[in-house]
Amino acid sequence: MSPSRQTPTSPDLGAAADFPLDQLSNHRGRWVAFSPDGRRLIASCTTLSALDAELRAAGENPEDVLLERIPEGDFVASGLELS
């Protein structure tokens, strides 16, 4: 079984779905849009504006997706690293 990491989740949806790390590694350095339940990767782009355009072209409402930036390397900044 391949390793996984939790994707973002909406507070009203409960626990986040696990997403395979090997699949996310294909999107390093990019913004990723997940379905509202966090189970489906809809699109990824290097900029938020390009991601917005791609989502709209695919018929998705950018207001309804979960966004996350996949870091370039293995480091994930959080908490004090972001301030």
Protein backbone atom coordinates (compact mmCIF):
# COMPACT_ATOMS: atom_id res chain seq x y z
CA MET A 1 0.00 0.00 0.00
CA SER A 2 1.43 3.39 -0.95
CA PRO A 3 1.79 6.15 1.67
CA SER A 4 -0.90 8.81 1.76
CA ARG A 5 -1.51 12.18 3.30
CA GLN A 6 -4.69 13.91 4.30
CA THR A 7 -6.19 16.42 1.92
CA PRO A 8 -7.96 19.57 3.07
CA THR A 9 -11.52 19.17 4.23
CA SER A 10 -14.57 21.28 4.81
CA PRO A 11 -15.65 21.36 8.47
CA ASP A 12 -19.11 20.04 7.63
CA LEU A 13 -17.80 17.00 5.74
CA GLY A 14 -15.98 15.26 8.59
CA ALA A 15 -12.66 13.46 8.16
CA ALA A 16 -10.58 14.15 5.06
CA ALA A 17 -10.01 11.49 2.45
CA ASP A 18 -6.54 10.02 2.12
CA PHE A 19 -4.77 10.83 -1.11
CA PRO A 20 -1.79 8.78 -2.41
CA LEU A 21 1.51 10.65 -1.99
CA ASP A 22 2.84 9.28 -5.26
CA GLN A 23 -0.08 10.89 -7.10
CA LEU A 24 0.40 14.22 -5.28
CA SER A 25 4.13 14.18 -6.05
CA ASN A 26 3.25 14.62 -9.74
CA HIS A 27 1.91 18.07 -8.79
CA ARG A 28 4.85 19.43 -6.76
CA GLY A 29 5.13 23.21 -6.90
CA ARG A 30 1.56 23.54 -8.21
CA TRP A 31 -1.81 24.62 -6.88
CA VAL A 32 -4.25 21.72 -6.76
CA ALA A 33 -8.05 21.82 -6.74
CA PHE A 34 -9.86 18.96 -5.00
CA SER A 35 -13.54 18.10 -5.15
CA PRO A 36 -15.52 19.40 -2.14
CA ASP A 37 -15.24 16.01 -0.40
CA GLY A 38 -11.46 15.92 -0.99
CA ARG A 39 -11.58 12.59 -2.82
CA ARG A 40 -10.96 13.73 -6.39
CA LEU A 41 -8.15 15.86 -7.76
CA ILE A 42 -9.83 18.06 -10.35
CA ALA A 43 -6.97 20.17 -11.73
CA SER A 44 -3.55 21.62 -10.97
CA CYS A 45 -1.66 24.67 -12.26
CA THR A 46 1.35 26.76 -11.30
CA THR A 47 -0.74 29.86 -10.54
CA LEU A 48 -4.11 30.40 -8.92
CA SER A 49 -5.34 32.46 -11.88
CA ALA A 50 -4.50 29.64 -14.31
CA LEU A 51 -6.18 27.13 -12.00
CA ASP A 52 -9.29 29.32 -11.85
CA ALA A 53 -9.43 29.44 -15.66
CA GLU A 54 -8.91 25.68 -15.97
CA LEU A 55 -11.65 24.96 -13.43
CA ARG A 56 -14.11 27.23 -15.24
CA ALA A 57 -13.23 25.63 -18.60
CA ALA A 58 -13.97 22.21 -17.05
CA GLY A 59 -17.38 23.43 -15.87
CA GLU A 60 -16.38 23.52 -12.19
CA ASN A 61 -17.23 26.40 -9.88
CA PRO A 62 -13.95 27.63 -8.32
CA GLU A 63 -15.89 28.63 -5.21
CA ASP A 64 -16.85 24.99 -4.58
CA VAL A 65 -13.41 23.35 -4.66
CA LEU A 66 -10.72 22.88 -2.02
CA LEU A 67 -7.35 24.43 -2.83
CA GLU A 68 -3.94 23.36 -1.67
CA ARG A 69 -0.42 24.15 -2.85
CA ILE A 70 1.80 21.08 -3.07
CA PRO A 71 5.31 22.05 -1.93
CA GLU A 72 8.33 21.60 -4.23
CA GLY A 73 10.16 19.18 -1.92
CA ASP A 74 9.33 17.02 1.04
CA PHE A 75 8.98 19.98 3.43
CA VAL A 76 5.51 21.16 4.42
CA ALA A 77 5.47 24.54 6.16
CA SER A 78 2.91 25.02 8.91
CA GLY A 79 2.35 27.00 12.07
CA LEU A 80 5.29 29.22 12.98
CA GLU A 81 7.15 28.47 9.72
CA LEU A 82 4.49 30.49 7.89
CA SER A 83 4.70 33.60 10.09
